[in-house]
Amino acid sequence: MRIARIDLRKTLPPIDSPDLVQLDSLINRYKGKKGSLIPLLQGIQELYGYIPKEAFEKVSGETGIPVSKMFGIATFYAQFRLQPVGKHIIKVCHGTACHVQNAVEISESLEEALKVRDGETTEDRLFTLESVACLGCCSLAPVMMIGDRTYGKLTGTEAIKIIKNIRLGESN
């Protein structure tokens, strides 16, 4: 099964410029150390939830690592994000067991309810929807995971109810 990558052409409402001062201690920790590019990118993503363009530029200027090299690593590994994500990342499993148990219905229901496609983030930045190859919960198929919580034996309607409850909790 092929999982689609996020389409960077879709634009969300502008976000505030990141506070790049937060990068100083991270850069100092890894500056000049071999093999530190991936931990540096992971640290940036941990700070901001994604790797902002401005962070690439600052790190490049202070470490001498070309932006093209950092961007190449960040786009090669699926763990890195170049766009902001929602507060809640919804991962819908599309592994064999979930696929057979109609994971497509869950994804389609969530896409319709959230008005996003796979890999996209809602305009309010509350949810990001992602299809994943496997969550390792085959006995609970079909499964979705939000944060560290797993929801199994789902239908599309149940998945939407879960999302509505999270949205309701966020508004309170």
Protein backbone atom coordinates (compact mmCIF):
# COMPACT_ATOMS: atom_id res chain seq x y z
CA MET A 1 0.00 0.00 0.00
CA ARG A 2 1.31 3.41 -0.91
CA ILE A 3 0.93 6.16 1.67
CA ALA A 4 0.68 9.64 0.18
CA ARG A 5 3.06 12.34 1.37
CA ILE A 6 1.75 15.71 2.49
CA ASP A 7 1.07 18.08 -0.40
CA LEU A 8 3.05 21.20 0.42
CA ARG A 9 1.07 23.25 -2.08
CA LYS A 10 -1.96 23.40 0.21
CA THR A 11 -1.67 26.48 2.30
CA LEU A 12 -3.00 27.03 5.77
CA PRO A 13 -3.64 30.36 7.42
CA PRO A 14 -0.35 32.10 8.27
CA ILE A 15 1.30 31.19 11.52
CA ASP A 16 3.37 33.38 13.75
CA SER A 17 7.08 33.45 13.02
CA PRO A 18 8.88 30.99 15.28
CA ASP A 19 10.96 32.30 18.17
CA LEU A 20 14.42 31.38 16.89
CA VAL A 21 16.12 32.25 20.19
CA GLN A 22 14.95 28.85 21.41
CA LEU A 23 17.36 27.28 18.91
CA ASP A 24 20.51 28.75 20.48
CA SER A 25 21.06 26.09 23.15
CA LEU A 26 20.23 23.30 20.68
CA ILE A 27 22.71 24.64 18.12
CA ASN A 28 25.40 25.02 20.79
CA ARG A 29 24.85 21.43 21.94
CA TYR A 30 25.44 19.97 18.46
CA LYS A 31 27.64 22.55 16.72
CA GLY A 32 30.79 20.98 15.27
CA LYS A 33 29.88 17.42 16.27
CA LYS A 34 29.90 14.72 13.60
CA GLY A 35 26.67 12.81 13.08
CA SER A 36 24.59 15.45 14.80
CA LEU A 37 22.34 16.54 11.93
CA ILE A 38 19.48 14.13 12.63
CA PRO A 39 19.43 14.82 16.41
CA LEU A 40 19.57 18.55 15.61
CA LEU A 41 16.58 18.28 13.26
CA GLN A 42 14.73 16.15 15.82
CA GLY A 43 15.38 18.83 18.45
CA ILE A 44 14.07 21.57 16.18
CA GLN A 45 10.94 19.57 15.49
CA GLU A 46 10.46 18.93 19.20
CA LEU A 47 10.61 22.68 19.84
CA TYR A 48 8.18 23.77 17.13
CA GLY A 49 6.22 20.64 16.18
CA TYR A 50 7.73 20.88 12.69
CA ILE A 51 10.90 22.30 11.10
CA PRO A 52 10.28 25.89 10.05
CA LYS A 53 12.11 27.36 7.06
CA GLU A 54 13.60 30.04 9.32
CA ALA A 55 15.15 27.32 11.50
CA PHE A 56 16.93 25.79 8.50
CA GLU A 57 18.35 29.20 7.66
CA LYS A 58 19.50 29.99 11.22
CA VAL A 59 21.11 26.57 11.74
CA SER A 60 22.85 26.81 8.38
CA GLY A 61 24.19 30.26 9.18
CA GLU A 62 25.52 29.22 12.59
CA THR A 63 26.82 25.72 11.79
CA GLY A 64 27.82 25.96 8.15
CA ILE A 65 25.62 22.99 7.26
CA PRO A 66 24.07 23.77 3.86
CA VAL A 67 20.30 24.22 3.87
CA SER A 68 20.14 21.79 0.94
CA LYS A 69 21.74 19.03 3.05
CA MET A 70 19.36 19.63 5.97
CA PHE A 71 16.37 19.78 3.65
CA GLY A 72 17.49 16.57 1.94
CA ILE A 73 17.62 14.73 5.28
CA ALA A 74 14.34 16.25 6.47
CA THR A 75 12.51 15.19 3.32
CA PHE A 76 14.08 11.72 3.18
CA TYR A 77 12.93 10.61 6.64
CA ALA A 78 9.18 10.39 7.23
CA GLN A 79 9.60 11.42 10.89
CA PHE A 80 10.28 15.04 9.92
CA ARG A 81 7.59 17.59 9.15
CA LEU A 82 8.02 20.77 7.16
CA GLN A 83 4.54 22.11 7.82
CA PRO A 84 2.76 22.78 11.11
CA VAL A 85 0.55 19.97 12.31
CA GLY A 86 -2.58 19.91 14.37
CA LYS A 87 -2.64 19.64 18.12
CA HIS A 88 -4.05 16.12 17.68
CA ILE A 89 -2.56 13.84 15.04
CA ILE A 90 -5.00 11.19 13.92
CA LYS A 91 -3.25 8.11 12.53
CA VAL A 92 -5.52 5.70 10.72
CA CYS A 93 -3.98 2.27 10.20
CA HIS A 94 -4.15 0.88 6.68
CA GLY A 95 -2.17 -2.31 7.29
CA THR A 96 -3.52 -5.59 5.99
CA ALA A 97 -5.77 -6.43 8.96
CA CYS A 98 -7.21 -2.91 9.10
CA HIS A 99 -7.61 -2.70 5.34
CA VAL A 100 -9.58 -5.94 5.30
CA GLN A 101 -11.76 -4.62 8.14
CA ASN A 102 -12.59 -1.46 6.11
CA ALA A 103 -10.11 1.17 7.30
CA VAL A 104 -10.95 3.08 4.13
CA GLU A 105 -14.41 3.83 5.60
CA ILE A 106 -12.77 5.37 8.67
CA SER A 107 -10.44 7.54 6.61
CA GLU A 108 -13.19 8.68 4.28
CA SER A 109 -15.53 9.47 7.18
CA LEU A 110 -12.84 11.50 8.94
CA GLU A 111 -11.90 13.32 5.74
CA GLU A 112 -15.53 14.32 5.24
CA ALA A 113 -16.10 15.33 8.87
CA LEU A 114 -12.85 17.29 9.20
CA LYS A 115 -12.94 18.68 5.64
CA VAL A 116 -9.33 17.62 5.01
CA ARG A 117 -7.60 14.98 2.95
CA ASP A 118 -4.98 12.50 4.08
CA GLY A 119 -1.88 14.36 5.28
CA GLU A 120 -3.67 17.66 5.79
CA THR A 121 -4.39 19.76 8.86
CA THR A 122 -7.71 21.37 9.73
CA GLU A 123 -7.87 25.15 9.38
CA ASP A 124 -8.14 25.57 13.16
CA ARG A 125 -4.97 23.45 13.49
CA LEU A 126 -6.71 21.12 15.91
CA PHE A 127 -6.35 17.92 13.83
CA THR A 128 -3.96 16.43 11.31
CA LEU A 129 -5.14 13.29 9.51
CA GLU A 130 -2.57 10.67 8.46
CA SER A 131 -2.79 7.22 6.94
CA VAL A 132 -0.09 4.91 8.28
CA ALA A 133 1.09 1.51 7.10
CA CYS A 134 0.68 -0.24 10.47
CA LEU A 135 0.06 0.60 14.11
CA GLY A 136 0.74 -2.94 15.33
CA CYS A 137 -2.73 -3.48 16.81
CA CYS A 138 -4.02 -6.03 14.34
CA SER A 139 -6.33 -7.73 16.82
CA LEU A 140 -8.20 -4.41 17.22
CA ALA A 141 -8.64 -3.78 13.48
CA PRO A 142 -9.64 -1.34 12.17
CA VAL A 143 -7.65 1.04 14.37
CA MET A 144 -6.86 4.71 14.70
CA MET A 145 -4.53 6.39 17.13
CA ILE A 146 -4.77 9.94 18.44
CA GLY A 147 -1.74 10.97 20.44
CA ASP A 148 -0.90 7.93 22.54
CA ARG A 149 -4.47 6.63 22.70
CA THR A 150 -5.57 3.74 20.49
CA TYR A 151 -9.17 3.23 19.34
CA GLY A 152 -10.05 -0.17 17.92
CA LYS A 153 -12.86 -2.08 16.27
CA LEU A 154 -14.02 1.21 14.75
CA THR A 155 -16.61 2.22 12.23
CA GLY A 156 -16.61 5.53 10.42
CA THR A 157 -19.44 6.78 12.63
CA GLU A 158 -17.56 5.86 15.83
CA ALA A 159 -14.42 7.60 14.59
CA ILE A 160 -16.39 10.79 13.96
CA LYS A 161 -17.91 10.62 17.47
CA ILE A 162 -14.41 10.41 18.96
CA ILE A 163 -13.32 13.48 17.00
CA LYS A 164 -16.45 15.40 18.02
CA ASN A 165 -15.78 14.58 21.69
CA ILE A 166 -12.19 15.81 21.42
CA ARG A 167 -13.36 19.01 19.73
CA LEU A 168 -15.98 19.51 22.42
CA GLY A 169 -13.35 19.00 25.13
CA GLU A 170 -11.09 21.55 23.44
CA SER A 171 -13.83 24.17 23.35
CA ASN A 172 -14.49 23.87 27.09
